[in-house]
Full PDB file with SEQRES, HELIX, SHEET, SSBOND, CRYST1, ORIGX, SCALE, CONECT and MASTER records, all heavy atoms in Angstrom:
SEQRES   1 A   32  ASN ASP SER LEU GLY HIS SER ALA GLY ASP GLN LEU LEU          
SEQRES   2 A   32  ARG GLN VAL ALA GLN ARG ILE GLU SER CYS MET ARG GLY          
SEQRES   3 A   32  SER ASP LEU VAL ALA ARG                                      
HELIX    1 AA1 HIS A    6  SER A   22  1                                  17    
CRYST1    1.000    1.000    1.000  90.00  90.00  90.00 P 1           1          
ORIGX1      1.000000  0.000000  0.000000        0.00000                         
ORIGX2      0.000000  1.000000  0.000000        0.00000                         
ORIGX3      0.000000  0.000000  1.000000        0.00000                         
SCALE1      1.000000  0.000000  0.000000        0.00000                         
SCALE2      0.000000  1.000000  0.000000        0.00000                         
SCALE3      0.000000  0.000000  1.000000        0.00000                         
ATOM      1  N   ASN A   1     -16.341 -22.407 -16.939  1.00  0.00           N  
ATOM      2  CA  ASN A   1     -17.763 -22.113 -17.184  1.00  0.00           C  
ATOM      3  C   ASN A   1     -18.635 -23.320 -16.862  1.00  0.00           C  
ATOM      4  O   ASN A   1     -19.680 -23.204 -16.230  1.00  0.00           O  
ATOM      5  CB  ASN A   1     -17.968 -21.691 -18.634  1.00  0.00           C  
ATOM      6  CG  ASN A   1     -18.261 -20.215 -18.767  1.00  0.00           C  
ATOM      7  OD1 ASN A   1     -18.447 -19.514 -17.780  1.00  0.00           O  
ATOM      8  ND2 ASN A   1     -18.302 -19.736 -19.981  1.00  0.00           N  
ATOM      9  N   ASP A   2     -18.190 -24.503 -17.326  1.00  0.00           N  
ATOM     10  CA  ASP A   2     -18.997 -25.706 -17.139  1.00  0.00           C  
ATOM     11  C   ASP A   2     -19.066 -26.135 -15.680  1.00  0.00           C  
ATOM     12  O   ASP A   2     -20.099 -26.596 -15.204  1.00  0.00           O  
ATOM     13  CB  ASP A   2     -18.437 -26.854 -17.988  1.00  0.00           C  
ATOM     14  CG  ASP A   2     -18.617 -26.603 -19.485  1.00  0.00           C  
ATOM     15  OD1 ASP A   2     -19.416 -25.713 -19.823  1.00  0.00           O  
ATOM     16  OD2 ASP A   2     -17.952 -27.286 -20.287  1.00  0.00           O  
ATOM     17  N   SER A   3     -17.958 -25.971 -14.943  1.00  0.00           N  
ATOM     18  CA  SER A   3     -17.928 -26.464 -13.563  1.00  0.00           C  
ATOM     19  C   SER A   3     -18.461 -25.450 -12.554  1.00  0.00           C  
ATOM     20  O   SER A   3     -19.117 -25.829 -11.587  1.00  0.00           O  
ATOM     21  CB  SER A   3     -16.492 -26.853 -13.186  1.00  0.00           C  
ATOM     22  OG  SER A   3     -15.629 -25.720 -13.295  1.00  0.00           O  
ATOM     23  N   LEU A   4     -18.216 -24.162 -12.778  1.00  0.00           N  
ATOM     24  CA  LEU A   4     -18.600 -23.140 -11.789  1.00  0.00           C  
ATOM     25  C   LEU A   4     -19.735 -22.237 -12.264  1.00  0.00           C  
ATOM     26  O   LEU A   4     -20.270 -21.469 -11.469  1.00  0.00           O  
ATOM     27  CB  LEU A   4     -17.382 -22.275 -11.425  1.00  0.00           C  
ATOM     28  CG  LEU A   4     -16.189 -23.015 -10.825  1.00  0.00           C  
ATOM     29  CD1 LEU A   4     -15.066 -22.036 -10.489  1.00  0.00           C  
ATOM     30  CD2 LEU A   4     -16.602 -23.785  -9.572  1.00  0.00           C  
ATOM     31  N   GLY A   5     -20.070 -22.283 -13.554  1.00  0.00           N  
ATOM     32  CA  GLY A   5     -21.186 -21.490 -14.055  1.00  0.00           C  
ATOM     33  C   GLY A   5     -20.747 -20.206 -14.726  1.00  0.00           C  
ATOM     34  O   GLY A   5     -19.600 -19.772 -14.624  1.00  0.00           O  
ATOM     35  N   HIS A   6     -21.722 -19.566 -15.416  1.00  0.00           N  
ATOM     36  CA  HIS A   6     -21.424 -18.343 -16.180  1.00  0.00           C  
ATOM     37  C   HIS A   6     -20.991 -17.195 -15.282  1.00  0.00           C  
ATOM     38  O   HIS A   6     -20.182 -16.371 -15.678  1.00  0.00           O  
ATOM     39  CB  HIS A   6     -22.654 -17.919 -16.992  1.00  0.00           C  
ATOM     40  CG  HIS A   6     -22.829 -18.714 -18.246  1.00  0.00           C  
ATOM     41  ND1 HIS A   6     -22.010 -18.579 -19.345  1.00  0.00           N  
ATOM     42  CD2 HIS A   6     -23.738 -19.683 -18.571  1.00  0.00           C  
ATOM     43  CE1 HIS A   6     -22.398 -19.403 -20.299  1.00  0.00           C  
ATOM     44  NE2 HIS A   6     -23.450 -20.086 -19.857  1.00  0.00           N  
ATOM     45  N   SER A   7     -21.556 -17.133 -14.056  1.00  0.00           N  
ATOM     46  CA  SER A   7     -21.189 -16.022 -13.172  1.00  0.00           C  
ATOM     47  C   SER A   7     -19.700 -16.064 -12.839  1.00  0.00           C  
ATOM     48  O   SER A   7     -19.007 -15.039 -12.886  1.00  0.00           O  
ATOM     49  CB  SER A   7     -22.021 -16.082 -11.886  1.00  0.00           C  
ATOM     50  OG  SER A   7     -21.636 -15.058 -11.002  1.00  0.00           O  
ATOM     51  N   ALA A   8     -19.201 -17.268 -12.539  1.00  0.00           N  
ATOM     52  CA  ALA A   8     -17.764 -17.401 -12.262  1.00  0.00           C  
ATOM     53  C   ALA A   8     -16.952 -17.109 -13.517  1.00  0.00           C  
ATOM     54  O   ALA A   8     -15.894 -16.466 -13.451  1.00  0.00           O  
ATOM     55  CB  ALA A   8     -17.464 -18.808 -11.745  1.00  0.00           C  
ATOM     56  N   GLY A   9     -17.461 -17.564 -14.674  1.00  0.00           N  
ATOM     57  CA  GLY A   9     -16.760 -17.274 -15.931  1.00  0.00           C  
ATOM     58  C   GLY A   9     -16.659 -15.784 -16.189  1.00  0.00           C  
ATOM     59  O   GLY A   9     -15.622 -15.281 -16.630  1.00  0.00           O  
ATOM     60  N   ASP A  10     -17.760 -15.067 -15.883  1.00  0.00           N  
ATOM     61  CA  ASP A  10     -17.730 -13.605 -16.068  1.00  0.00           C  
ATOM     62  C   ASP A  10     -16.717 -12.960 -15.128  1.00  0.00           C  
ATOM     63  O   ASP A  10     -15.982 -12.045 -15.512  1.00  0.00           O  
ATOM     64  CB  ASP A  10     -19.117 -13.024 -15.814  1.00  0.00           C  
ATOM     65  CG  ASP A  10     -20.096 -13.362 -16.926  1.00  0.00           C  
ATOM     66  OD1 ASP A  10     -19.636 -13.859 -17.974  1.00  0.00           O  
ATOM     67  OD2 ASP A  10     -21.301 -13.132 -16.747  1.00  0.00           O  
ATOM     68  N   GLN A  11     -16.692 -13.410 -13.862  1.00  0.00           N  
ATOM     69  CA  GLN A  11     -15.712 -12.871 -12.915  1.00  0.00           C  
ATOM     70  C   GLN A  11     -14.290 -13.112 -13.415  1.00  0.00           C  
ATOM     71  O   GLN A  11     -13.426 -12.233 -13.329  1.00  0.00           O  
ATOM     72  CB  GLN A  11     -15.886 -13.528 -11.543  1.00  0.00           C  
ATOM     73  CG  GLN A  11     -17.138 -13.112 -10.789  1.00  0.00           C  
ATOM     74  CD  GLN A  11     -17.171 -13.731  -9.402  1.00  0.00           C  
ATOM     75  OE1 GLN A  11     -16.161 -13.771  -8.694  1.00  0.00           O  
ATOM     76  NE2 GLN A  11     -18.324 -14.248  -9.010  1.00  0.00           N  
ATOM     77  N   LEU A  12     -14.066 -14.319 -13.946  1.00  0.00           N  
ATOM     78  CA  LEU A  12     -12.727 -14.641 -14.450  1.00  0.00           C  
ATOM     79  C   LEU A  12     -12.329 -13.711 -15.596  1.00  0.00           C  
ATOM     80  O   LEU A  12     -11.219 -13.181 -15.618  1.00  0.00           O  
ATOM     81  CB  LEU A  12     -12.701 -16.102 -14.912  1.00  0.00           C  
ATOM     82  CG  LEU A  12     -11.377 -16.579 -15.553  1.00  0.00           C  
ATOM     83  CD1 LEU A  12     -10.223 -16.431 -14.579  1.00  0.00           C  
ATOM     84  CD2 LEU A  12     -11.508 -18.030 -16.018  1.00  0.00           C  
ATOM     85  N   LEU A  13     -13.251 -13.482 -16.533  1.00  0.00           N  
ATOM     86  CA  LEU A  13     -12.935 -12.605 -17.671  1.00  0.00           C  
ATOM     87  C   LEU A  13     -12.647 -11.187 -17.208  1.00  0.00           C  
ATOM     88  O   LEU A  13     -11.740 -10.522 -17.722  1.00  0.00           O  
ATOM     89  CB  LEU A  13     -14.093 -12.611 -18.668  1.00  0.00           C  
ATOM     90  CG  LEU A  13     -14.302 -13.919 -19.443  1.00  0.00           C  
ATOM     91  CD1 LEU A  13     -15.585 -13.865 -20.257  1.00  0.00           C  
ATOM     92  CD2 LEU A  13     -13.109 -14.204 -20.348  1.00  0.00           C  
ATOM     93  N   ARG A  14     -13.409 -10.699 -16.223  1.00  0.00           N  
ATOM     94  CA  ARG A  14     -13.152  -9.344 -15.713  1.00  0.00           C  
ATOM     95  C   ARG A  14     -11.765  -9.264 -15.075  1.00  0.00           C  
ATOM     96  O   ARG A  14     -11.019  -8.303 -15.298  1.00  0.00           O  
ATOM     97  CB  ARG A  14     -14.232  -8.956 -14.695  1.00  0.00           C  
ATOM     98  CG  ARG A  14     -15.522  -8.461 -15.321  1.00  0.00           C  
ATOM     99  CD  ARG A  14     -16.425  -7.803 -14.288  1.00  0.00           C  
ATOM    100  NE  ARG A  14     -16.962  -8.766 -13.344  1.00  0.00           N  
ATOM    101  CZ  ARG A  14     -18.115  -9.386 -13.488  1.00  0.00           C  
ATOM    102  NH1 ARG A  14     -18.880  -9.135 -14.539  1.00  0.00           N  
ATOM    103  NH2 ARG A  14     -18.542 -10.245 -12.580  1.00  0.00           N  
ATOM    104  N   GLN A  15     -11.418 -10.265 -14.268  1.00  0.00           N  
ATOM    105  CA  GLN A  15     -10.116 -10.229 -13.594  1.00  0.00           C  
ATOM    106  C   GLN A  15      -8.969 -10.394 -14.589  1.00  0.00           C  
ATOM    107  O   GLN A  15      -7.919  -9.750 -14.453  1.00  0.00           O  
ATOM    108  CB  GLN A  15     -10.064 -11.324 -12.520  1.00  0.00           C  
ATOM    109  CG  GLN A  15     -11.024 -11.082 -11.358  1.00  0.00           C  
ATOM    110  CD  GLN A  15     -10.896 -12.145 -10.277  1.00  0.00           C  
ATOM    111  OE1 GLN A  15      -9.811 -12.667 -10.022  1.00  0.00           O  
ATOM    112  NE2 GLN A  15     -12.013 -12.484  -9.632  1.00  0.00           N  
ATOM    113  N   VAL A  16      -9.161 -11.244 -15.596  1.00  0.00           N  
ATOM    114  CA  VAL A  16      -8.119 -11.405 -16.622  1.00  0.00           C  
ATOM    115  C   VAL A  16      -7.911 -10.077 -17.349  1.00  0.00           C  
ATOM    116  O   VAL A  16      -6.776  -9.651 -17.600  1.00  0.00           O  
ATOM    117  CB  VAL A  16      -8.504 -12.520 -17.614  1.00  0.00           C  
ATOM    118  CG1 VAL A  16      -7.596 -12.488 -18.840  1.00  0.00           C  
ATOM    119  CG2 VAL A  16      -8.391 -13.884 -16.941  1.00  0.00           C  
ATOM    120  N   ALA A  17      -9.009  -9.409 -17.698  1.00  0.00           N  
ATOM    121  CA  ALA A  17      -8.906  -8.111 -18.395  1.00  0.00           C  
ATOM    122  C   ALA A  17      -8.131  -7.106 -17.540  1.00  0.00           C  
ATOM    123  O   ALA A  17      -7.265  -6.378 -18.040  1.00  0.00           O  
ATOM    124  CB  ALA A  17     -10.294  -7.579 -18.712  1.00  0.00           C  
ATOM    125  N   GLN A  18      -8.413  -7.088 -16.227  1.00  0.00           N  
ATOM    126  CA  GLN A  18      -7.702  -6.158 -15.339  1.00  0.00           C  
ATOM    127  C   GLN A  18      -6.218  -6.491 -15.271  1.00  0.00           C  
ATOM    128  O   GLN A  18      -5.370  -5.581 -15.283  1.00  0.00           O  
ATOM    129  CB  GLN A  18      -8.322  -6.213 -13.936  1.00  0.00           C  
ATOM    130  CG  GLN A  18      -9.729  -5.629 -13.868  1.00  0.00           C  
ATOM    131  CD  GLN A  18     -10.438  -5.960 -12.569  1.00  0.00           C  
ATOM    132  OE1 GLN A  18      -9.867  -6.593 -11.664  1.00  0.00           O  
ATOM    133  NE2 GLN A  18     -11.693  -5.541 -12.449  1.00  0.00           N  
ATOM    134  N   ARG A  19      -5.896  -7.775 -15.225  1.00  0.00           N  
ATOM    135  CA  ARG A  19      -4.477  -8.162 -15.147  1.00  0.00           C  
ATOM    136  C   ARG A  19      -3.737  -7.794 -16.428  1.00  0.00           C  
ATOM    137  O   ARG A  19      -2.601  -7.302 -16.379  1.00  0.00           O  
ATOM    138  CB  ARG A  19      -4.362  -9.661 -14.888  1.00  0.00           C  
ATOM    139  CG  ARG A  19      -4.808 -10.067 -13.474  1.00  0.00           C  
ATOM    140  CD  ARG A  19      -4.447 -11.519 -13.200  1.00  0.00           C  
ATOM    141  NE  ARG A  19      -4.952 -11.978 -11.915  1.00  0.00           N  
ATOM    142  CZ  ARG A  19      -4.713 -13.187 -11.404  1.00  0.00           C  
ATOM    143  NH1 ARG A  19      -3.963 -14.056 -12.105  1.00  0.00           N  
ATOM    144  NH2 ARG A  19      -5.200 -13.544 -10.241  1.00  0.00           N  
ATOM    145  N   ILE A  20      -4.371  -8.047 -17.576  1.00  0.00           N  
ATOM    146  CA  ILE A  20      -3.700  -7.712 -18.841  1.00  0.00           C  
ATOM    147  C   ILE A  20      -3.485  -6.210 -18.933  1.00  0.00           C  
ATOM    148  O   ILE A  20      -2.398  -5.744 -19.294  1.00  0.00           O  
ATOM    149  CB  ILE A  20      -4.521  -8.227 -20.035  1.00  0.00           C  
ATOM    150  CG1 ILE A  20      -4.560  -9.763 -20.042  1.00  0.00           C  
ATOM    151  CG2 ILE A  20      -3.926  -7.724 -21.350  1.00  0.00           C  
ATOM    152  CD1 ILE A  20      -5.452 -10.356 -21.121  1.00  0.00           C  
ATOM    153  N   GLU A  21      -4.515  -5.430 -18.588  1.00  0.00           N  
ATOM    154  CA  GLU A  21      -4.384  -3.971 -18.642  1.00  0.00           C  
ATOM    155  C   GLU A  21      -3.283  -3.484 -17.710  1.00  0.00           C  
ATOM    156  O   GLU A  21      -2.534  -2.564 -18.040  1.00  0.00           O  
ATOM    157  CB  GLU A  21      -5.700  -3.306 -18.251  1.00  0.00           C  
ATOM    158  CG  GLU A  21      -6.671  -3.124 -19.386  1.00  0.00           C  
ATOM    159  CD  GLU A  21      -7.769  -2.136 -19.052  1.00  0.00           C  
ATOM    160  OE1 GLU A  21      -8.469  -2.376 -18.043  1.00  0.00           O  
ATOM    161  OE2 GLU A  21      -7.927  -1.148 -19.763  1.00  0.00           O  
ATOM    162  N   SER A  22      -3.174  -4.112 -16.539  1.00  0.00           N  
ATOM    163  CA  SER A  22      -2.209  -3.636 -15.541  1.00  0.00           C  
ATOM    164  C   SER A  22      -0.759  -3.827 -15.980  1.00  0.00           C  
ATOM    165  O   SER A  22       0.128  -3.125 -15.498  1.00  0.00           O  
ATOM    166  CB  SER A  22      -2.438  -4.367 -14.211  1.00  0.00           C  
ATOM    167  OG  SER A  22      -2.062  -5.737 -14.326  1.00  0.00           O  
ATOM    168  N   CYS A  23      -0.508  -4.771 -16.881  1.00  0.00           N  
ATOM    169  CA  CYS A  23       0.880  -5.022 -17.285  1.00  0.00           C  
ATOM    170  C   CYS A  23       1.225  -4.393 -18.632  1.00  0.00           C  
ATOM    171  O   CYS A  23       2.319  -4.598 -19.145  1.00  0.00           O  
ATOM    172  CB  CYS A  23       1.176  -6.530 -17.301  1.00  0.00           C  
ATOM    173  SG  CYS A  23       0.369  -7.431 -18.636  1.00  0.00           S  
ATOM    174  N   MET A  24       0.285  -3.627 -19.205  1.00  0.00           N  
ATOM    175  CA  MET A  24       0.559  -2.958 -20.469  1.00  0.00           C  
ATOM    176  C   MET A  24       0.664  -1.458 -20.259  1.00  0.00           C  
ATOM    177  O   MET A  24       0.192  -0.923 -19.252  1.00  0.00           O  
ATOM    178  CB  MET A  24      -0.559  -3.253 -21.489  1.00  0.00           C  
ATOM    179  CG  MET A  24      -0.769  -4.733 -21.786  1.00  0.00           C  
ATOM    180  SD  MET A  24       0.726  -5.597 -22.338  1.00  0.00           S  
ATOM    181  CE  MET A  24       1.101  -4.700 -23.839  1.00  0.00           C  
ATOM    182  N   ARG A  25       1.273  -0.791 -21.231  1.00  0.00           N  
ATOM    183  CA  ARG A  25       1.391   0.665 -21.164  1.00  0.00           C  
ATOM    184  C   ARG A  25       0.069   1.324 -21.568  1.00  0.00           C  
ATOM    185  O   ARG A  25      -0.766   0.711 -22.225  1.00  0.00           O  
ATOM    186  CB  ARG A  25       2.502   1.141 -22.096  1.00  0.00           C  
ATOM    187  CG  ARG A  25       3.859   0.535 -21.792  1.00  0.00           C  
ATOM    188  CD  ARG A  25       4.833   0.812 -22.913  1.00  0.00           C  
ATOM    189  NE  ARG A  25       4.317   0.316 -24.193  1.00  0.00           N  
ATOM    190  CZ  ARG A  25       4.952   0.424 -25.345  1.00  0.00           C  
ATOM    191  NH1 ARG A  25       6.126   1.046 -25.389  1.00  0.00           N  
ATOM    192  NH2 ARG A  25       4.433  -0.046 -26.455  1.00  0.00           N  
ATOM    193  N   GLY A  26      -0.081   2.563 -21.156  1.00  0.00           N  
ATOM    194  CA  GLY A  26      -1.305   3.270 -21.490  1.00  0.00           C  
ATOM    195  C   GLY A  26      -1.496   3.471 -22.977  1.00  0.00           C  
ATOM    196  O   GLY A  26      -2.620   3.616 -23.457  1.00  0.00           O  
ATOM    197  N   SER A  27      -0.403   3.482 -23.747  1.00  0.00           N  
ATOM    198  CA  SER A  27      -0.500   3.702 -25.196  1.00  0.00           C  
ATOM    199  C   SER A  27      -0.856   2.430 -25.962  1.00  0.00           C  
ATOM    200  O   SER A  27      -1.156   2.490 -27.154  1.00  0.00           O  
ATOM    201  CB  SER A  27       0.830   4.256 -25.728  1.00  0.00           C  
ATOM    202  OG  SER A  27       1.888   3.339 -25.464  1.00  0.00           O  
ATOM    203  N   ASP A  28      -0.803   1.260 -25.312  1.00  0.00           N  
ATOM    204  CA  ASP A  28      -1.097  -0.006 -25.995  1.00  0.00           C  
ATOM    205  C   ASP A  28      -2.608  -0.260 -25.993  1.00  0.00           C  
ATOM    206  O   ASP A  28      -3.285  -0.043 -24.989  1.00  0.00           O  
ATOM    207  CB  ASP A  28      -0.387  -1.176 -25.299  1.00  0.00           C  
ATOM    208  CG  ASP A  28       1.130  -1.036 -25.366  1.00  0.00           C  
ATOM    209  OD1 ASP A  28       1.617  -0.509 -26.378  1.00  0.00           O  
ATOM    210  OD2 ASP A  28       1.810  -1.422 -24.408  1.00  0.00           O  
ATOM    211  N   LEU A  29      -3.133  -0.732 -27.117  1.00  0.00           N  
ATOM    212  CA  LEU A  29      -4.550  -1.077 -27.217  1.00  0.00           C  
ATOM    213  C   LEU A  29      -4.773  -2.459 -26.620  1.00  0.00           C  
ATOM    214  O   LEU A  29      -4.135  -3.429 -27.013  1.00  0.00           O  
ATOM    215  CB  LEU A  29      -4.984  -1.056 -28.690  1.00  0.00           C  
ATOM    216  CG  LEU A  29      -6.406  -1.582 -28.969  1.00  0.00           C  
ATOM    217  CD1 LEU A  29      -7.441  -0.669 -28.342  1.00  0.00           C  
ATOM    218  CD2 LEU A  29      -6.650  -1.700 -30.475  1.00  0.00           C  
ATOM    219  N   VAL A  30      -5.703  -2.552 -25.662  1.00  0.00           N  
ATOM    220  CA  VAL A  30      -6.127  -3.827 -25.085  1.00  0.00           C  
ATOM    221  C   VAL A  30      -7.626  -3.926 -25.310  1.00  0.00           C  
ATOM    222  O   VAL A  30      -8.384  -3.022 -24.926  1.00  0.00           O  
ATOM    223  CB  VAL A  30      -5.811  -3.906 -23.578  1.00  0.00           C  
ATOM    224  CG1 VAL A  30      -6.260  -5.256 -23.022  1.00  0.00           C  
ATOM    225  CG2 VAL A  30      -4.319  -3.713 -23.335  1.00  0.00           C  
ATOM    226  N   ALA A  31      -8.096  -5.013 -25.954  1.00  0.00           N  
ATOM    227  CA  ALA A  31      -9.511  -5.145 -26.298  1.00  0.00           C  
ATOM    228  C   ALA A  31      -9.948  -6.592 -26.109  1.00  0.00           C  
ATOM    229  O   ALA A  31      -9.129  -7.514 -26.086  1.00  0.00           O  
ATOM    230  CB  ALA A  31      -9.768  -4.695 -27.743  1.00  0.00           C  
ATOM    231  N   ARG A  32     -11.265  -6.767 -25.949  1.00  0.00           N  
ATOM    232  CA  ARG A  32     -11.840  -8.113 -25.895  1.00  0.00           C  
ATOM    233  C   ARG A  32     -12.628  -8.347 -27.174  1.00  0.00           C  
ATOM    234  O   ARG A  32     -13.557  -7.598 -27.476  1.00  0.00           O  
ATOM    235  CB  ARG A  32     -12.751  -8.250 -24.678  1.00  0.00           C  
ATOM    236  CG  ARG A  32     -13.378  -9.656 -24.571  1.00  0.00           C  
ATOM    237  CD  ARG A  32     -14.416  -9.734 -23.477  1.00  0.00           C  
ATOM    238  NE  ARG A  32     -15.064 -11.024 -23.459  1.00  0.00           N  
ATOM    239  CZ  ARG A  32     -16.328 -11.230 -23.080  1.00  0.00           C  
ATOM    240  NH1 ARG A  32     -17.064 -10.209 -22.685  1.00  0.00           N  
ATOM    241  NH2 ARG A  32     -16.844 -12.447 -23.090  1.00  0.00           N  
TER     242      ARG A  32                                                      
MASTER        0    0    0    1    0    0    0    6  241    1    0    3          
END                                                                             
């Protein structure tokens, strides 16, 4: 966030969320 800015931080959080969801089962709760 500090080096690349909030926009990059937001992109990172979106991609992390997608990666976590992709490796879990549909029945597992994934939340932020």
